[in-house]
Amino acid sequence: MKKLPRRRGNCHRPRMYGLLKAASSAEEEEEILRERLRDADVSFSGAFPSSRDISVAKRKHEKAKELEGIDTSLIISGGRSRRNTAPRVTYREDRLSEEDKDAIEDEDEDDDEDASDREAVESGQEPEDAQRAAKARGSHLRVHFKHCREVSHAIKGMPLNKAKSFLQAVTEYKQAVPFTKFTGGCGRHAQGKLRGAAGDKCKWPQKATKIILDLLKNAEANAEVKGLDTDLLYVSHAQANAAIKQRRRTYRAHGRIGPYMSNPAHIELILTEKRANVAKAVEEVKTAKVSRKRQAQLRLKSGGGVEAN
């Protein structure tokens, strides 16, 4: 084979051997190469194609090979990334009909309802009979969580009117809230005896009491909207959970900074209407079965002696 000069713009010998190994002369080599490049729609200037022309022809040939069996009418963009060697092909999306759009919207609404139901179940307790109950809830309230827990625990199970009067008395320092769980540093007072507080530990938390009193009034208004009898309502559920702490900072000695966090709370209440008392039906007394042996023993115990004359 004729040795080709290594001039600028000419292809190197290894690349030429791959393309022109079937040629026997230089003229045949040029003719074969020109035909291949012409079939690949590659134009080149000069008597001989450069290495760039050959690379372009190879890329077009590989791309045509990859697209065999693919409907090219769906392709809207394509190409090769400079970093990734794999081809990138994007397909045109089919337009949805109105029926399909409505079906997708219905599925999204169902998913949203399921998610809201899960959140409601996880957030707190649900009433057994929703038609006879009313709820009220406050989230991320800027009030001490420990105070809210003790106040909500104190009114749990109370009738609505009694709970409202008790909380109003606490704001006036006439009654105290018994502290049973968070008792660190809690004082003692004679008013704690009225609520049966252990060790007479009690407090008068003003802010927590006022917030829970407002929630009670809110739940009462919700019950009136439902048409429930407010005289028969009682606090069936009262719960306080710790919310995400809010961050502040305090400046200490020697240039240090310490945390100064607040402890907000989530509070939820459920008012339920009491059911009417129904007298219990009289049950029939069932006679117990006694064996013959036991009957003989009972007769002996009941008689047990010498017959009277």
Protein backbone atom coordinates (compact mmCIF):
# COMPACT_ATOMS: atom_id res chain seq x y z
CA MET A 1 0.00 0.00 0.00
CA LYS A 2 1.16 3.47 -0.79
CA LYS A 3 2.59 5.37 2.16
CA LEU A 4 0.63 8.57 2.74
CA PRO A 5 2.27 11.78 3.94
CA ARG A 6 1.45 12.89 7.53
CA ARG A 7 0.43 16.41 6.60
CA ARG A 8 -2.06 18.57 8.46
CA GLY A 9 -5.60 17.77 7.46
CA ASN A 10 -4.81 14.22 6.34
CA CYS A 11 -5.97 11.19 8.29
CA HIS A 12 -3.46 9.02 10.14
CA ARG A 13 -2.39 5.59 8.99
CA PRO A 14 -4.32 3.42 11.58
CA ARG A 15 -7.61 5.14 10.73
CA MET A 16 -6.90 4.72 7.02
CA TYR A 17 -6.21 1.00 7.41
CA GLY A 18 -9.65 0.52 8.95
CA LEU A 19 -11.45 2.29 6.12
CA LEU A 20 -9.38 1.42 3.06
CA LYS A 21 -8.14 -2.12 3.68
CA ALA A 22 -10.06 -3.37 0.59
CA ALA A 23 -8.26 -1.03 -1.83
CA SER A 24 -5.24 -2.08 -3.86
CA SER A 25 -4.07 1.31 -5.11
CA ALA A 26 -4.15 4.94 -4.03
CA GLU A 27 -6.73 5.83 -6.64
CA GLU A 28 -9.06 3.09 -5.44
CA GLU A 29 -8.54 4.27 -1.86
CA GLU A 30 -9.58 7.79 -2.76
CA GLU A 31 -12.55 6.56 -4.75
CA ILE A 32 -13.80 4.27 -1.96
CA LEU A 33 -13.40 7.01 0.64
CA ARG A 34 -15.16 9.57 -1.53
CA GLU A 35 -18.10 7.19 -2.08
CA ARG A 36 -18.43 6.45 1.63
CA LEU A 37 -18.32 10.09 2.58
CA ARG A 38 -20.74 10.97 -0.19
CA ASP A 39 -23.18 8.31 1.08
CA ALA A 40 -22.85 9.83 4.56
CA ASP A 41 -23.60 13.31 3.17
CA VAL A 42 -20.20 14.61 4.24
CA SER A 43 -18.59 17.28 2.13
CA PHE A 44 -14.85 17.89 2.21
CA SER A 45 -12.45 20.26 0.54
CA GLY A 46 -9.20 19.27 -1.07
CA ALA A 47 -8.00 16.20 -2.88
CA PHE A 48 -8.13 14.03 0.22
CA PRO A 49 -10.54 14.07 3.23
CA SER A 50 -9.20 15.14 6.61
CA SER A 51 -9.50 13.25 9.92
CA ARG A 52 -12.32 15.61 10.95
CA ASP A 53 -14.34 14.61 7.87
CA ILE A 54 -13.84 10.93 8.67
CA SER A 55 -14.92 11.47 12.33
CA VAL A 56 -18.10 13.24 11.21
CA ALA A 57 -18.87 10.37 8.84
CA LYS A 58 -18.35 7.81 11.59
CA ARG A 59 -20.64 9.66 14.01
CA LYS A 60 -23.40 9.91 11.43
CA HIS A 61 -23.05 6.23 10.64
CA GLU A 62 -23.28 5.27 14.35
CA LYS A 63 -26.29 7.53 14.89
CA ALA A 64 -28.12 6.03 11.92
CA LYS A 65 -27.38 2.58 13.31
CA GLU A 66 -28.78 3.49 16.75
CA LEU A 67 -32.00 4.90 15.26
CA GLU A 68 -32.81 1.73 13.34
CA GLY A 69 -36.29 0.50 14.29
CA ILE A 70 -37.25 3.79 16.02
CA ASP A 71 -40.09 5.94 14.76
CA THR A 72 -38.22 9.17 14.04
CA SER A 73 -41.45 11.17 13.76
CA LEU A 74 -41.68 11.18 17.57
CA ILE A 75 -38.19 12.62 18.03
CA ILE A 76 -38.17 16.36 18.62
CA SER A 77 -34.61 16.85 19.82
CA GLY A 78 -31.44 14.85 20.08
CA GLY A 79 -27.71 15.01 20.08
CA ARG A 80 -24.67 13.98 22.01
CA SER A 81 -23.32 15.58 25.14
CA ARG A 82 -19.69 16.60 25.20
CA ARG A 83 -19.22 14.88 28.55
CA ASN A 84 -21.45 11.81 28.13
CA THR A 85 -20.98 9.57 25.13
CA ALA A 86 -24.49 8.13 25.27
CA PRO A 87 -27.04 9.70 22.87
CA ARG A 88 -29.81 11.85 24.36
CA VAL A 89 -33.21 11.42 22.75
CA THR A 90 -36.42 13.21 23.80
CA TYR A 91 -39.89 12.06 22.76
CA ARG A 92 -42.97 14.15 22.16
CA GLU A 93 -45.80 13.56 24.67
CA ASP A 94 -49.22 12.63 23.38
CA ARG A 95 -52.03 15.05 24.17
CA LEU A 96 -54.51 13.82 26.79
CA SER A 97 -58.21 13.78 26.17
CA GLU A 98 -60.67 15.57 28.46
CA GLU A 99 -61.81 12.25 30.00
CA ASP A 100 -58.23 11.29 30.88
CA LYS A 101 -57.62 14.73 32.43
CA ASP A 102 -60.76 14.40 34.58
CA ALA A 103 -59.71 10.93 35.70
CA ILE A 104 -56.25 12.18 36.70
CA GLU A 105 -57.76 15.12 38.64
CA ASP A 106 -60.10 12.74 40.50
CA GLU A 107 -57.16 10.53 41.47
CA ASP A 108 -55.22 13.56 42.75
CA GLU A 109 -58.21 14.67 44.84
CA ASP A 110 -58.54 11.18 46.34
CA ASP A 111 -54.83 11.18 47.22
CA ASP A 112 -55.19 14.60 48.89
CA GLU A 113 -58.18 13.38 50.91
CA ASP A 114 -56.28 10.28 52.03
CA ALA A 115 -53.31 12.42 53.06
CA SER A 116 -55.54 14.81 55.03
CA ASP A 117 -57.20 11.83 56.74
CA ARG A 118 -53.82 10.43 57.74
CA GLU A 119 -52.77 13.80 59.12
CA ALA A 120 -56.01 14.07 61.12
CA VAL A 121 -55.54 10.61 62.64
CA GLU A 122 -51.90 11.28 63.48
CA SER A 123 -52.59 14.74 64.92
CA GLY A 124 -54.81 13.48 67.75
CA GLN A 125 -57.83 11.52 68.81
CA GLU A 126 -60.99 11.35 66.72
CA PRO A 127 -64.46 11.28 68.37
CA GLU A 128 -66.34 8.00 68.31
CA ASP A 129 -69.50 9.67 67.01
CA ALA A 130 -68.66 12.74 64.93
CA GLN A 131 -72.33 13.80 64.77
CA ARG A 132 -72.50 14.19 68.57
CA ALA A 133 -69.11 15.88 69.07
CA ALA A 134 -67.37 19.18 68.29
CA LYS A 135 -63.64 19.89 68.09
CA ALA A 136 -61.32 22.85 68.52
CA ARG A 137 -57.57 22.98 67.98
CA GLY A 138 -54.70 25.44 68.25
CA SER A 139 -51.28 24.85 66.71
CA HIS A 140 -47.90 26.42 67.52
CA LEU A 141 -49.34 28.49 70.35
CA ARG A 142 -46.78 30.70 72.11
CA VAL A 143 -47.55 29.40 75.61
CA HIS A 144 -45.70 27.05 77.96
CA PHE A 145 -46.32 23.43 76.97
CA LYS A 146 -46.05 22.14 80.55
CA HIS A 147 -48.69 24.59 81.78
CA CYS A 148 -51.02 23.59 78.92
CA ARG A 149 -50.63 19.93 79.79
CA GLU A 150 -51.61 20.46 83.43
CA VAL A 151 -54.59 22.71 82.62
CA SER A 152 -55.95 20.35 79.95
CA HIS A 153 -55.52 17.39 82.29
CA ALA A 154 -57.43 19.24 85.02
CA ILE A 155 -60.55 19.90 82.89
CA LYS A 156 -60.67 16.50 81.18
CA GLY A 157 -63.99 14.81 81.88
CA MET A 158 -65.66 17.97 83.24
CA PRO A 159 -69.02 19.24 81.99
CA LEU A 160 -68.61 22.25 79.73
CA ASN A 161 -70.19 24.79 82.10
CA LYS A 162 -68.15 23.53 85.04
CA ALA A 163 -64.90 23.65 83.04
CA LYS A 164 -65.55 27.23 81.95
CA SER A 165 -66.33 28.38 85.48
CA PHE A 166 -63.24 26.59 86.83
CA LEU A 167 -60.92 28.24 84.30
CA GLN A 168 -62.49 31.63 84.98
CA ALA A 169 -61.88 31.10 88.71
CA VAL A 170 -58.23 30.23 88.00
CA THR A 171 -57.73 33.55 86.19
CA GLU A 172 -59.15 35.29 89.27
CA TYR A 173 -56.90 33.25 91.66
CA LYS A 174 -59.95 31.74 93.37
CA GLN A 175 -59.03 28.18 92.37
CA ALA A 176 -55.71 26.60 91.44
CA VAL A 177 -54.66 24.09 88.78
CA PRO A 178 -53.18 20.94 90.36
CA PHE A 179 -49.75 20.02 88.98
CA THR A 180 -49.24 16.27 88.84
CA LYS A 181 -46.54 15.64 86.22
CA PHE A 182 -44.33 18.69 85.75
CA THR A 183 -43.88 19.51 89.42
CA GLY A 184 -40.29 20.77 89.42
CA GLY A 185 -40.09 23.97 91.48
CA CYS A 186 -43.85 23.97 91.99
CA GLY A 187 -45.17 25.67 95.12
CA ARG A 188 -47.79 24.42 97.56
CA HIS A 189 -51.05 26.08 98.53
CA ALA A 190 -54.19 25.23 100.42
CA GLN A 191 -56.23 25.61 97.21
CA GLY A 192 -54.54 22.45 95.97
CA LYS A 193 -56.56 20.45 98.51
CA LEU A 194 -59.77 21.38 96.66
CA ARG A 195 -58.56 19.48 93.59
CA GLY A 196 -56.88 16.60 95.43
CA ALA A 197 -53.38 17.58 94.32
CA ALA A 198 -50.59 15.43 95.72
CA GLY A 199 -48.66 17.49 98.24
CA ASP A 200 -50.94 20.47 97.54
CA LYS A 201 -48.79 21.34 94.49
CA CYS A 202 -50.64 23.85 92.34
CA LYS A 203 -50.25 26.99 90.22
CA TRP A 204 -52.30 29.69 88.53
CA PRO A 205 -51.00 29.70 84.91
CA GLN A 206 -52.70 32.75 83.43
CA LYS A 207 -51.76 32.59 79.75
CA ALA A 208 -52.40 28.86 79.31
CA THR A 209 -55.72 29.12 81.16
CA LYS A 210 -56.97 31.98 78.98
CA ILE A 211 -55.99 30.20 75.75
CA ILE A 212 -57.71 26.94 76.75
CA LEU A 213 -60.79 28.91 77.86
CA ASP A 214 -60.93 30.50 74.39
CA LEU A 215 -60.64 27.05 72.79
CA LEU A 216 -63.53 25.81 74.93
CA LYS A 217 -65.69 28.70 73.72
CA ASN A 218 -64.66 27.96 70.14
CA ALA A 219 -65.61 24.29 70.50
CA GLU A 220 -68.93 25.34 72.08
CA ALA A 221 -69.68 27.55 69.06
CA ASN A 222 -68.88 24.63 66.75
CA ALA A 223 -71.29 22.46 68.73
CA GLU A 224 -74.05 25.06 68.41
CA VAL A 225 -73.56 25.09 64.63
CA LYS A 226 -74.08 21.32 64.64
CA GLY A 227 -77.26 21.75 66.67
CA LEU A 228 -76.00 20.02 69.84
CA ASP A 229 -77.37 20.78 73.31
CA THR A 230 -74.64 22.76 75.10
CA ASP A 231 -76.03 21.81 78.51
CA LEU A 232 -75.22 18.14 77.82
CA LEU A 233 -71.68 18.72 76.54
CA TYR A 234 -68.62 17.56 78.47
CA VAL A 235 -64.87 17.60 77.76
CA SER A 236 -64.30 14.08 76.47
CA HIS A 237 -60.78 14.75 75.21
CA ALA A 238 -58.17 17.38 76.11
CA GLN A 239 -54.60 17.07 74.92
CA ALA A 240 -51.49 19.24 74.77
CA ASN A 241 -48.43 18.32 72.72
CA ALA A 242 -45.04 20.00 72.55
CA ALA A 243 -44.51 21.98 69.33
CA ILE A 244 -41.25 22.86 67.59
CA LYS A 245 -39.13 25.04 69.84
CA GLN A 246 -38.55 28.61 68.78
CA ARG A 247 -34.95 29.74 68.96
CA ARG A 248 -33.50 32.85 70.53
CA ARG A 249 -30.08 33.55 72.03
CA THR A 250 -28.64 34.83 75.26
CA TYR A 251 -25.23 36.44 75.53
CA ARG A 252 -23.01 34.87 78.18
CA ALA A 253 -19.69 35.78 79.72
CA HIS A 254 -16.41 35.53 77.79
CA GLY A 255 -18.16 36.10 74.44
CA ARG A 256 -20.22 32.93 74.52
CA ILE A 257 -23.77 32.63 73.19
CA GLY A 258 -26.27 30.23 74.72
CA PRO A 259 -29.66 28.97 73.54
CA TYR A 260 -32.77 30.74 74.80
CA MET A 261 -35.57 28.51 73.51
CA SER A 262 -39.32 28.82 73.90
CA ASN A 263 -41.60 25.80 74.33
CA PRO A 264 -44.85 26.33 72.36
CA ALA A 265 -47.69 23.82 72.32
CA HIS A 266 -50.40 22.21 70.20
CA ILE A 267 -53.74 22.01 72.04
CA GLU A 268 -56.87 20.14 70.98
CA LEU A 269 -60.24 19.68 72.68
CA ILE A 270 -63.28 17.53 71.93
CA LEU A 271 -66.72 18.22 73.40
CA THR A 272 -69.18 15.31 73.31
CA GLU A 273 -72.89 15.30 74.03
CA LYS A 274 -73.88 12.99 76.87
CA ARG A 275 -76.33 10.25 76.06
CA ALA A 276 -79.56 9.87 78.01
CA ASN A 277 -79.42 7.38 80.88
CA VAL A 278 -81.38 4.20 80.24
CA ALA A 279 -82.49 1.90 83.05
CA LYS A 280 -80.89 -1.51 82.94
CA ALA A 281 -83.25 -4.35 82.18
CA VAL A 282 -83.92 -6.92 84.91
CA GLU A 283 -82.06 -10.10 84.15
CA GLU A 284 -83.56 -13.47 84.85
CA VAL A 285 -81.76 -15.39 87.56
CA LYS A 286 -80.53 -18.66 86.18
CA THR A 287 -80.57 -21.64 88.53
CA ALA A 288 -77.25 -23.36 88.79
CA LYS A 289 -77.10 -27.03 87.93
CA VAL A 290 -76.16 -29.27 90.87
CA SER A 291 -74.97 -32.84 90.53
CA ARG A 292 -76.53 -35.73 92.45
CA LYS A 293 -73.48 -36.06 94.66
CA ARG A 294 -73.62 -32.37 95.53
CA GLN A 295 -77.36 -32.62 96.18
CA ALA A 296 -76.71 -35.44 98.66
CA GLN A 297 -74.06 -33.35 100.39
CA LEU A 298 -76.41 -30.40 100.67
CA ARG A 299 -79.21 -32.57 102.08
CA LEU A 300 -76.88 -33.96 104.71
CA LYS A 301 -75.78 -30.46 105.72
CA SER A 302 -79.30 -29.17 105.90
CA GLY A 303 -80.61 -32.18 107.89
CA GLY A 304 -77.62 -33.37 109.81
CA GLY A 305 -78.91 -34.81 113.06
CA VAL A 306 -81.23 -37.11 114.86
CA GLU A 307 -84.80 -37.18 113.73
CA ALA A 308 -87.14 -35.43 116.10
CA ASN A 309 -89.89 -37.41 117.79
